[in-house]
Amino acid sequence: MVHADFRGVYVEGISDMQKELDDMKKWDMKSFTISDYNIVSVGADTIMSTYKVVVEGTYDGKDASGTFNAGSVWKKEKGGWQAIFHTNAKEEKAAQ
């Protein structure tokens, strides 16, 4: 499901597949909800998806809860869809 050449771009840096898998072990998620999912075909075997994610949980022992705007690129290879790119940004509350 994750391509060997996967890349992720986040506030804390750029990750490859191994770093992404290692970082997953640091999560303790209480809830995870996806909404506003949208897919755009960008080729015969590639799609781009955008969506919102609401997370409640901790990462490496620190609260990481919030709403994130996310995007992923998926490539159809070897008979299945594999993630090749992902990014997300935490929504900030609007100044009042």
PDB file of N, CA and C in Angstrom:
ATOM      1  N   MET A   1       0.815  -1.194   0.000  1.00  0.00           N
ATOM      2  CA  MET A   1       0.000   0.000   0.000  1.00  0.00           C
ATOM      3  C   MET A   1       0.860   1.259   0.000  1.00  0.00           C
ATOM      4  N   VAL A   2       2.086   1.177   0.462  1.00  0.00           N
ATOM      5  CA  VAL A   2       3.018   2.306   0.410  1.00  0.00           C
ATOM      6  C   VAL A   2       4.169   1.918  -0.510  1.00  0.00           C
ATOM      7  N   HIS A   3       4.420   2.743  -1.503  1.00  0.00           N
ATOM      8  CA  HIS A   3       5.467   2.482  -2.491  1.00  0.00           C
ATOM      9  C   HIS A   3       6.847   2.564  -1.835  1.00  0.00           C
ATOM     10  N   ALA A   4       7.777   1.766  -2.306  1.00  0.00           N
ATOM     11  CA  ALA A   4       9.144   1.749  -1.753  1.00  0.00           C
ATOM     12  C   ALA A   4       9.816   3.114  -1.856  1.00  0.00           C
ATOM     13  N   ASP A   5       9.445   3.925  -2.856  1.00  0.00           N
ATOM     14  CA  ASP A   5      10.038   5.254  -3.038  1.00  0.00           C
ATOM     15  C   ASP A   5       9.162   6.368  -2.465  1.00  0.00           C
ATOM     16  N   PHE A   6       8.261   6.036  -1.543  1.00  0.00           N
ATOM     17  CA  PHE A   6       7.361   7.004  -0.919  1.00  0.00           C
ATOM     18  C   PHE A   6       8.127   8.187  -0.331  1.00  0.00           C
ATOM     19  N   ARG A   7       7.507   9.368  -0.413  1.00  0.00           N
ATOM     20  CA  ARG A   7       8.012  10.559   0.258  1.00  0.00           C
ATOM     21  C   ARG A   7       6.848  11.254   0.954  1.00  0.00           C
ATOM     22  N   GLY A   8       7.115  11.764   2.145  1.00  0.00           N
ATOM     23  CA  GLY A   8       6.143  12.556   2.892  1.00  0.00           C
ATOM     24  C   GLY A   8       6.764  13.897   3.226  1.00  0.00           C
ATOM     25  N   VAL A   9       5.976  14.956   3.140  1.00  0.00           N
ATOM     26  CA  VAL A   9       6.466  16.302   3.442  1.00  0.00           C
ATOM     27  C   VAL A   9       5.603  16.872   4.559  1.00  0.00           C
ATOM     28  N   TYR A  10       6.254  17.205   5.665  1.00  0.00           N
ATOM     29  CA  TYR A  10       5.560  17.674   6.853  1.00  0.00           C
ATOM     30  C   TYR A  10       6.317  18.854   7.455  1.00  0.00           C
ATOM     31  N   VAL A  11       5.700  19.523   8.423  1.00  0.00           N
ATOM     32  CA  VAL A  11       6.337  20.657   9.092  1.00  0.00           C
ATOM     33  C   VAL A  11       7.689  20.251   9.677  1.00  0.00           C
ATOM     34  N   GLU A  12       7.749  19.045  10.230  1.00  0.00           N
ATOM     35  CA  GLU A  12       8.981  18.596  10.895  1.00  0.00           C
ATOM     36  C   GLU A  12      10.034  18.038   9.939  1.00  0.00           C
ATOM     37  N   GLY A  13       9.699  17.926   8.652  1.00  0.00           N
ATOM     38  CA  GLY A  13      10.708  17.472   7.693  1.00  0.00           C
ATOM     39  C   GLY A  13      10.157  16.545   6.627  1.00  0.00           C
ATOM     40  N   ILE A  14      11.064  16.011   5.842  1.00  0.00           N
ATOM     41  CA  ILE A  14      10.740  15.108   4.745  1.00  0.00           C
ATOM     42  C   ILE A  14      11.043  13.683   5.186  1.00  0.00           C
ATOM     43  N   SER A  15      10.130  12.768   4.866  1.00  0.00           N
ATOM     44  CA  SER A  15      10.350  11.381   5.274  1.00  0.00           C
ATOM     45  C   SER A  15      10.301  10.449   4.073  1.00  0.00           C
ATOM     46  N   ASP A  16      11.013   9.340   4.216  1.00  0.00           N
ATOM     47  CA  ASP A  16      10.929   8.261   3.235  1.00  0.00           C
ATOM     48  C   ASP A  16      10.057   7.159   3.842  1.00  0.00           C
ATOM     49  N   MET A  17       9.931   6.053   3.142  1.00  0.00           N
ATOM     50  CA  MET A  17       9.042   4.997   3.615  1.00  0.00           C
ATOM     51  C   MET A  17       9.460   4.480   4.996  1.00  0.00           C
ATOM     52  N   GLN A  18      10.737   4.244   5.224  1.00  0.00           N
ATOM     53  CA  GLN A  18      11.170   3.696   6.508  1.00  0.00           C
ATOM     54  C   GLN A  18      10.886   4.655   7.658  1.00  0.00           C
ATOM     55  N   LYS A  19      11.157   5.942   7.459  1.00  0.00           N
ATOM     56  CA  LYS A  19      10.872   6.925   8.511  1.00  0.00           C
ATOM     57  C   LYS A  19       9.372   6.998   8.774  1.00  0.00           C
ATOM     58  N   GLU A  20       8.577   6.943   7.714  1.00  0.00           N
ATOM     59  CA  GLU A  20       7.120   6.978   7.862  1.00  0.00           C
ATOM     60  C   GLU A  20       6.644   5.788   8.707  1.00  0.00           C
ATOM     61  N   LEU A  21       7.141   4.597   8.421  1.00  0.00           N
ATOM     62  CA  LEU A  21       6.760   3.406   9.184  1.00  0.00           C
ATOM     63  C   LEU A  21       7.225   3.506  10.635  1.00  0.00           C
ATOM     64  N   ASP A  22       8.440   4.007  10.855  1.00  0.00           N
ATOM     65  CA  ASP A  22       8.946   4.187  12.218  1.00  0.00           C
ATOM     66  C   ASP A  22       8.098   5.196  12.987  1.00  0.00           C
ATOM     67  N   ASP A  23       7.722   6.296  12.317  1.00  0.00           N
ATOM     68  CA  ASP A  23       6.925   7.332  12.973  1.00  0.00           C
ATOM     69  C   ASP A  23       5.525   6.842  13.330  1.00  0.00           C
ATOM     70  N   MET A  24       4.972   5.921  12.548  1.00  0.00           N
ATOM     71  CA  MET A  24       3.637   5.384  12.846  1.00  0.00           C
ATOM     72  C   MET A  24       3.601   4.720  14.219  1.00  0.00           C
ATOM     73  N   LYS A  25       4.713   4.149  14.636  1.00  0.00           N
ATOM     74  CA  LYS A  25       4.782   3.472  15.935  1.00  0.00           C
ATOM     75  C   LYS A  25       4.696   4.458  17.095  1.00  0.00           C
ATOM     76  N   LYS A  26       4.938   5.746  16.833  1.00  0.00           N
ATOM     77  CA  LYS A  26       4.927   6.771  17.882  1.00  0.00           C
ATOM     78  C   LYS A  26       3.530   7.329  18.145  1.00  0.00           C
ATOM     79  N   TRP A  27       2.553   6.938  17.313  1.00  0.00           N
ATOM     80  CA  TRP A  27       1.185   7.427  17.461  1.00  0.00           C
ATOM     81  C   TRP A  27       0.391   6.573  18.448  1.00  0.00           C
ATOM     82  N   ASP A  28      -0.412   7.249  19.268  1.00  0.00           N
ATOM     83  CA  ASP A  28      -1.440   6.603  20.082  1.00  0.00           C
ATOM     84  C   ASP A  28      -2.741   7.323  19.744  1.00  0.00           C
ATOM     85  N   MET A  29      -3.479   6.786  18.768  1.00  0.00           N
ATOM     86  CA  MET A  29      -4.688   7.455  18.279  1.00  0.00           C
ATOM     87  C   MET A  29      -5.924   6.971  19.012  1.00  0.00           C
ATOM     88  N   LYS A  30      -6.697   7.933  19.461  1.00  0.00           N
ATOM     89  CA  LYS A  30      -7.987   7.642  20.090  1.00  0.00           C
ATOM     90  C   LYS A  30      -9.086   7.642  19.030  1.00  0.00           C
ATOM     91  N   SER A  31      -8.974   8.564  18.049  1.00  0.00           N
ATOM     92  CA  SER A  31      -9.937   8.599  16.943  1.00  0.00           C
ATOM     93  C   SER A  31      -9.275   9.219  15.718  1.00  0.00           C
ATOM     94  N   PHE A  32      -9.812   8.861  14.543  1.00  0.00           N
ATOM     95  CA  PHE A  32      -9.264   9.295  13.260  1.00  0.00           C
ATOM     96  C   PHE A  32     -10.427   9.314  12.274  1.00  0.00           C
ATOM     97  N   THR A  33     -10.797  10.501  11.789  1.00  0.00           N
ATOM     98  CA  THR A  33     -11.948  10.634  10.899  1.00  0.00           C
ATOM     99  C   THR A  33     -11.549  11.379   9.633  1.00  0.00           C
ATOM    100  N   ILE A  34     -11.889  10.811   8.471  1.00  0.00           N
ATOM    101  CA  ILE A  34     -11.617  11.443   7.177  1.00  0.00           C
ATOM    102  C   ILE A  34     -12.923  12.013   6.633  1.00  0.00           C
ATOM    103  N   SER A  35     -12.854  13.240   6.081  1.00  0.00           N
ATOM    104  CA  SER A  35     -14.024  13.840   5.432  1.00  0.00           C
ATOM    105  C   SER A  35     -13.576  14.639   4.209  1.00  0.00           C
ATOM    106  N   ASP A  36     -14.543  15.111   3.455  1.00  0.00           N
ATOM    107  CA  ASP A  36     -14.292  15.947   2.269  1.00  0.00           C
ATOM    108  C   ASP A  36     -13.304  15.297   1.307  1.00  0.00           C
ATOM    109  N   TYR A  37     -13.413  13.991   1.134  1.00  0.00           N
ATOM    110  CA  TYR A  37     -12.482  13.236   0.287  1.00  0.00           C
ATOM    111  C   TYR A  37     -12.768  13.523  -1.183  1.00  0.00           C
ATOM    112  N   ASN A  38     -11.735  13.890  -1.924  1.00  0.00           N
ATOM    113  CA  ASN A  38     -11.870  14.217  -3.337  1.00  0.00           C
ATOM    114  C   ASN A  38     -10.716  13.589  -4.098  1.00  0.00           C
ATOM    115  N   ILE A  39     -11.020  12.986  -5.247  1.00  0.00           N
ATOM    116  CA  ILE A  39      -9.987  12.343  -6.070  1.00  0.00           C
ATOM    117  C   ILE A  39      -9.985  12.977  -7.455  1.00  0.00           C
ATOM    118  N   VAL A  40      -8.771  13.234  -7.967  1.00  0.00           N
ATOM    119  CA  VAL A  40      -8.589  13.743  -9.321  1.00  0.00           C
ATOM    120  C   VAL A  40      -7.621  12.813 -10.033  1.00  0.00           C
ATOM    121  N   SER A  41      -8.014  12.348 -11.208  1.00  0.00           N
ATOM    122  CA  SER A  41      -7.119  11.513 -12.012  1.00  0.00           C
ATOM    123  C   SER A  41      -6.101  12.418 -12.691  1.00  0.00           C
ATOM    124  N   VAL A  42      -4.832  12.076 -12.560  1.00  0.00           N
ATOM    125  CA  VAL A  42      -3.768  12.868 -13.191  1.00  0.00           C
ATOM    126  C   VAL A  42      -2.975  12.017 -14.179  1.00  0.00           C
ATOM    127  N   GLY A  43      -3.568  10.947 -14.616  1.00  0.00           N
ATOM    128  CA  GLY A  43      -2.947  10.049 -15.579  1.00  0.00           C
ATOM    129  C   GLY A  43      -3.654   8.712 -15.557  1.00  0.00           C
ATOM    130  N   ALA A  44      -3.262   7.839 -16.452  1.00  0.00           N
ATOM    131  CA  ALA A  44      -3.912   6.533 -16.557  1.00  0.00           C
ATOM    132  C   ALA A  44      -3.756   5.698 -15.291  1.00  0.00           C
ATOM    133  N   ASP A  45      -2.663   5.893 -14.559  1.00  0.00           N
ATOM    134  CA  ASP A  45      -2.398   5.061 -13.384  1.00  0.00           C
ATOM    135  C   ASP A  45      -2.017   5.880 -12.153  1.00  0.00           C
ATOM    136  N   THR A  46      -2.412   7.165 -12.130  1.00  0.00           N
ATOM    137  CA  THR A  46      -2.058   8.038 -11.010  1.00  0.00           C
ATOM    138  C   THR A  46      -3.257   8.883 -10.610  1.00  0.00           C
ATOM    139  N   ILE A  47      -3.501   8.974  -9.297  1.00  0.00           N
ATOM    140  CA  ILE A  47      -4.553   9.845  -8.782  1.00  0.00           C
ATOM    141  C   ILE A  47      -3.995  10.715  -7.666  1.00  0.00           C
ATOM    142  N   MET A  48      -4.639  11.865  -7.490  1.00  0.00           N
ATOM    143  CA  MET A  48      -4.309  12.775  -6.403  1.00  0.00           C
ATOM    144  C   MET A  48      -5.561  12.895  -5.541  1.00  0.00           C
ATOM    145  N   SER A  49      -5.403  12.769  -4.242  1.00  0.00           N
ATOM    146  CA  SER A  49      -6.546  12.890  -3.339  1.00  0.00           C
ATOM    147  C   SER A  49      -6.301  14.017  -2.346  1.00  0.00           C
ATOM    148  N   THR A  50      -7.377  14.734  -2.026  1.00  0.00           N
ATOM    149  CA  THR A  50      -7.329  15.751  -0.981  1.00  0.00           C
ATOM    150  C   THR A  50      -8.454  15.452  -0.005  1.00  0.00           C
ATOM    151  N   TYR A  51      -8.228  15.789   1.264  1.00  0.00           N
ATOM    152  CA  TYR A  51      -9.218  15.453   2.286  1.00  0.00           C
ATOM    153  C   TYR A  51      -8.873  16.134   3.594  1.00  0.00           C
ATOM    154  N   LYS A  52      -9.822  16.116   4.522  1.00  0.00           N
ATOM    155  CA  LYS A  52      -9.605  16.601   5.885  1.00  0.00           C
ATOM    156  C   LYS A  52      -9.514  15.391   6.805  1.00  0.00           C
ATOM    157  N   VAL A  53      -8.670  15.507   7.811  1.00  0.00           N
ATOM    158  CA  VAL A  53      -8.525  14.459   8.816  1.00  0.00           C
ATOM    159  C   VAL A  53      -8.661  15.102  10.196  1.00  0.00           C
ATOM    160  N   VAL A  54      -9.545  14.558  11.010  1.00  0.00           N
ATOM    161  CA  VAL A  54      -9.652  14.992  12.402  1.00  0.00           C
ATOM    162  C   VAL A  54      -9.054  13.879  13.251  1.00  0.00           C
ATOM    163  N   VAL A  55      -8.008  14.225  13.990  1.00  0.00           N
ATOM    164  CA  VAL A  55      -7.267  13.256  14.802  1.00  0.00           C
ATOM    165  C   VAL A  55      -7.382  13.632  16.270  1.00  0.00           C
ATOM    166  N   GLU A  56      -7.606  12.638  17.104  1.00  0.00           N
ATOM    167  CA  GLU A  56      -7.495  12.811  18.545  1.00  0.00           C
ATOM    168  C   GLU A  56      -6.484  11.779  19.013  1.00  0.00           C
ATOM    169  N   GLY A  57      -5.369  12.265  19.576  1.00  0.00           N
ATOM    170  CA  GLY A  57      -4.351  11.338  20.038  1.00  0.00           C
ATOM    171  C   GLY A  57      -3.041  12.028  20.336  1.00  0.00           C
ATOM    172  N   THR A  58      -2.048  11.204  20.641  1.00  0.00           N
ATOM    173  CA  THR A  58      -0.720  11.730  20.952  1.00  0.00           C
ATOM    174  C   THR A  58       0.305  11.172  19.976  1.00  0.00           C
ATOM    175  N   TYR A  59       1.353  11.946  19.773  1.00  0.00           N
ATOM    176  CA  TYR A  59       2.487  11.522  18.958  1.00  0.00           C
ATOM    177  C   TYR A  59       3.730  11.689  19.813  1.00  0.00           C
ATOM    178  N   ASP A  60       4.428  10.600  20.037  1.00  0.00           N
ATOM    179  CA  ASP A  60       5.639  10.619  20.861  1.00  0.00           C
ATOM    180  C   ASP A  60       5.358  11.214  22.244  1.00  0.00           C
ATOM    181  N   GLY A  61       4.153  10.900  22.772  1.00  0.00           N
ATOM    182  CA  GLY A  61       3.780  11.327  24.114  1.00  0.00           C
ATOM    183  C   GLY A  61       3.204  12.729  24.214  1.00  0.00           C
ATOM    184  N   LYS A  62       3.121  13.467  23.102  1.00  0.00           N
ATOM    185  CA  LYS A  62       2.608  14.840  23.120  1.00  0.00           C
ATOM    186  C   LYS A  62       1.284  14.901  22.365  1.00  0.00           C
ATOM    187  N   ASP A  63       0.372  15.745  22.863  1.00  0.00           N
ATOM    188  CA  ASP A  63      -0.928  15.882  22.204  1.00  0.00           C
ATOM    189  C   ASP A  63      -0.734  16.332  20.760  1.00  0.00           C
ATOM    190  N   ALA A  64      -1.325  15.613  19.833  1.00  0.00           N
ATOM    191  CA  ALA A  64      -1.233  15.939  18.405  1.00  0.00           C
ATOM    192  C   ALA A  64      -2.625  16.052  17.796  1.00  0.00           C
ATOM    193  N   SER A  65      -3.622  16.264  18.634  1.00  0.00           N
ATOM    194  CA  SER A  65      -5.002  16.345  18.175  1.00  0.00           C
ATOM    195  C   SER A  65      -5.212  17.577  17.311  1.00  0.00           C
ATOM    196  N   GLY A  66      -6.146  17.467  16.374  1.00  0.00           N
ATOM    197  CA  GLY A  66      -6.482  18.621  15.554  1.00  0.00           C
ATOM    198  C   GLY A  66      -7.113  18.213  14.240  1.00  0.00           C
ATOM    199  N   THR A  67      -7.381  19.234  13.430  1.00  0.00           N
ATOM    200  CA  THR A  67      -7.909  19.037  12.085  1.00  0.00           C
ATOM    201  C   THR A  67      -6.802  19.360  11.099  1.00  0.00           C
ATOM    202  N   PHE A  68      -6.580  18.446  10.165  1.00  0.00           N
ATOM    203  CA  PHE A  68      -5.498  18.589   9.194  1.00  0.00           C
ATOM    204  C   PHE A  68      -6.067  18.575   7.781  1.00  0.00           C
ATOM    205  N   ASN A  69      -5.527  19.434   6.922  1.00  0.00           N
ATOM    206  CA  ASN A  69      -5.792  19.367   5.488  1.00  0.00           C
ATOM    207  C   ASN A  69      -4.702  18.483   4.913  1.00  0.00           C
ATOM    208  N   ALA A  70      -5.097  17.484   4.126  1.00  0.00           N
ATOM    209  CA  ALA A  70      -4.124  16.492   3.664  1.00  0.00           C
ATOM    210  C   ALA A  70      -4.245  16.255   2.166  1.00  0.00           C
ATOM    211  N   GLY A  71      -3.154  15.772   1.599  1.00  0.00           N
ATOM    212  CA  GLY A  71      -3.135  15.405   0.194  1.00  0.00           C
ATOM    213  C   GLY A  71      -2.211  14.223  -0.017  1.00  0.00           C
ATOM    214  N   SER A  72      -2.601  13.346  -0.925  1.00  0.00           N
ATOM    215  CA  SER A  72      -1.802  12.160  -1.230  1.00  0.00           C
ATOM    216  C   SER A  72      -1.811  11.919  -2.733  1.00  0.00           C
ATOM    217  N   VAL A  73      -0.741  11.322  -3.223  1.00  0.00           N
ATOM    218  CA  VAL A  73      -0.673  10.890  -4.614  1.00  0.00           C
ATOM    219  C   VAL A  73      -0.509   9.379  -4.594  1.00  0.00           C
ATOM    220  N   TRP A  74      -1.332   8.701  -5.406  1.00  0.00           N
ATOM    221  CA  TRP A  74      -1.347   7.246  -5.469  1.00  0.00           C
ATOM    222  C   TRP A  74      -1.047   6.789  -6.885  1.00  0.00           C
ATOM    223  N   LYS A  75      -0.274   5.715  -7.013  1.00  0.00           N
ATOM    224  CA  LYS A  75       0.085   5.158  -8.316  1.00  0.00           C
ATOM    225  C   LYS A  75      -0.344   3.696  -8.356  1.00  0.00           C
ATOM    226  N   LYS A  76      -0.990   3.317  -9.455  1.00  0.00           N
ATOM    227  CA  LYS A  76      -1.388   1.917  -9.620  1.00  0.00           C
ATOM    228  C   LYS A  76      -0.196   1.153 -10.171  1.00  0.00           C
ATOM    229  N   GLU A  77       0.248   0.181  -9.382  1.00  0.00           N
ATOM    230  CA  GLU A  77       1.431  -0.596  -9.749  1.00  0.00           C
ATOM    231  C   GLU A  77       1.283  -2.006  -9.202  1.00  0.00           C
ATOM    232  N   LYS A  78       1.689  -2.974  -9.977  1.00  0.00           N
ATOM    233  CA  LYS A  78       1.623  -4.380  -9.558  1.00  0.00           C
ATOM    234  C   LYS A  78       0.212  -4.773  -9.130  1.00  0.00           C
ATOM    235  N   GLY A  79      -0.792  -4.251  -9.839  1.00  0.00           N
ATOM    236  CA  GLY A  79      -2.173  -4.632  -9.589  1.00  0.00           C
ATOM    237  C   GLY A  79      -2.860  -3.946  -8.426  1.00  0.00           C
ATOM    238  N   GLY A  80      -2.192  -2.995  -7.772  1.00  0.00           N
ATOM    239  CA  GLY A  80      -2.815  -2.308  -6.646  1.00  0.00           C
ATOM    240  C   GLY A  80      -2.375  -0.860  -6.554  1.00  0.00           C
ATOM    241  N   TRP A  81      -3.096  -0.083  -5.751  1.00  0.00           N
ATOM    242  CA  TRP A  81      -2.768   1.324  -5.553  1.00  0.00           C
ATOM    243  C   TRP A  81      -1.764   1.469  -4.415  1.00  0.00           C
ATOM    244  N   GLN A  82      -0.706   2.241  -4.672  1.00  0.00           N
ATOM    245  CA  GLN A  82       0.337   2.466  -3.674  1.00  0.00           C
ATOM    246  C   GLN A  82       0.542   3.968  -3.483  1.00  0.00           C
ATOM    247  N   ALA A  83       0.630   4.388  -2.225  1.00  0.00           N
ATOM    248  CA  ALA A  83       0.893   5.797  -1.922  1.00  0.00           C
ATOM    249  C   ALA A  83       2.337   6.116  -2.286  1.00  0.00           C
ATOM    250  N   ILE A  84       2.525   7.197  -3.060  1.00  0.00           N
ATOM    251  CA  ILE A  84       3.884   7.611  -3.409  1.00  0.00           C
ATOM    252  C   ILE A  84       4.237   8.963  -2.792  1.00  0.00           C
ATOM    253  N   PHE A  85       3.208   9.731  -2.356  1.00  0.00           N
ATOM    254  CA  PHE A  85       3.458  11.044  -1.755  1.00  0.00           C
ATOM    255  C   PHE A  85       2.322  11.386  -0.806  1.00  0.00           C
ATOM    256  N   HIS A  86       2.666  12.044   0.309  1.00  0.00           N
ATOM    257  CA  HIS A  86       1.650  12.510   1.254  1.00  0.00           C
ATOM    258  C   HIS A  86       2.148  13.776   1.934  1.00  0.00           C
ATOM    259  N   THR A  87       1.221  14.667   2.208  1.00  0.00           N
ATOM    260  CA  THR A  87       1.525  15.850   3.004  1.00  0.00           C
ATOM    261  C   THR A  87       0.281  16.239   3.790  1.00  0.00           C
ATOM    262  N   ASN A  88       0.480  16.950   4.884  1.00  0.00           N
ATOM    263  CA  ASN A  88      -0.659  17.494   5.613  1.00  0.00           C
ATOM    264  C   ASN A  88      -0.234  18.745   6.362  1.00  0.00           C
ATOM    265  N   ALA A  89      -1.222  19.579   6.665  1.00  0.00           N
ATOM    266  CA  ALA A  89      -0.984  20.811   7.421  1.00  0.00           C
ATOM    267  C   ALA A  89      -2.121  20.977   8.415  1.00  0.00           C
ATOM    268  N   LYS A  90      -1.762  21.273   9.643  1.00  0.00           N
ATOM    269  CA  LYS A  90      -2.769  21.452  10.681  1.00  0.00           C
ATOM    270  C   LYS A  90      -3.486  22.778  10.466  1.00  0.00           C
ATOM    271  N   GLU A  91      -4.817  22.742  10.530  1.00  0.00           N
ATOM    272  CA  GLU A  91      -5.596  23.968  10.407  1.00  0.00           C
ATOM    273  C   GLU A  91      -5.356  24.844  11.625  1.00  0.00           C
ATOM    274  N   GLU A  92      -5.249  26.137  11.376  1.00  0.00           N
ATOM    275  CA  GLU A  92      -5.135  27.098  12.468  1.00  0.00           C
ATOM    276  C   GLU A  92      -6.467  27.806  12.617  1.00  0.00           C
ATOM    277  N   LYS A  93      -6.799  28.140  13.843  1.00  0.00           N
ATOM    278  CA  LYS A  93      -8.041  28.870  14.075  1.00  0.00           C
ATOM    279  C   LYS A  93      -7.889  30.281  13.528  1.00  0.00           C
ATOM    280  N   ALA A  94      -8.946  30.770  12.883  1.00  0.00           N
ATOM    281  CA  ALA A  94      -8.916  32.113  12.310  1.00  0.00           C
ATOM    282  C   ALA A  94      -8.835  33.156  13.420  1.00  0.00           C
ATOM    283  N   ALA A  95      -8.043  34.195  13.172  1.00  0.00           N
ATOM    284  CA  ALA A  95      -7.926  35.291  14.140  1.00  0.00           C
ATOM    285  C   ALA A  95      -9.254  36.037  14.211  1.00  0.00           C
ATOM    286  N   GLN A  96      -9.629  36.420  15.414  1.00  0.00           N
ATOM    287  CA  GLN A  96     -10.914  37.122  15.569  1.00  0.00           C
ATOM    288  C   GLN A  96     -10.715  38.516  16.054  1.00  0.00           C
TER     289      GLN A  96
END
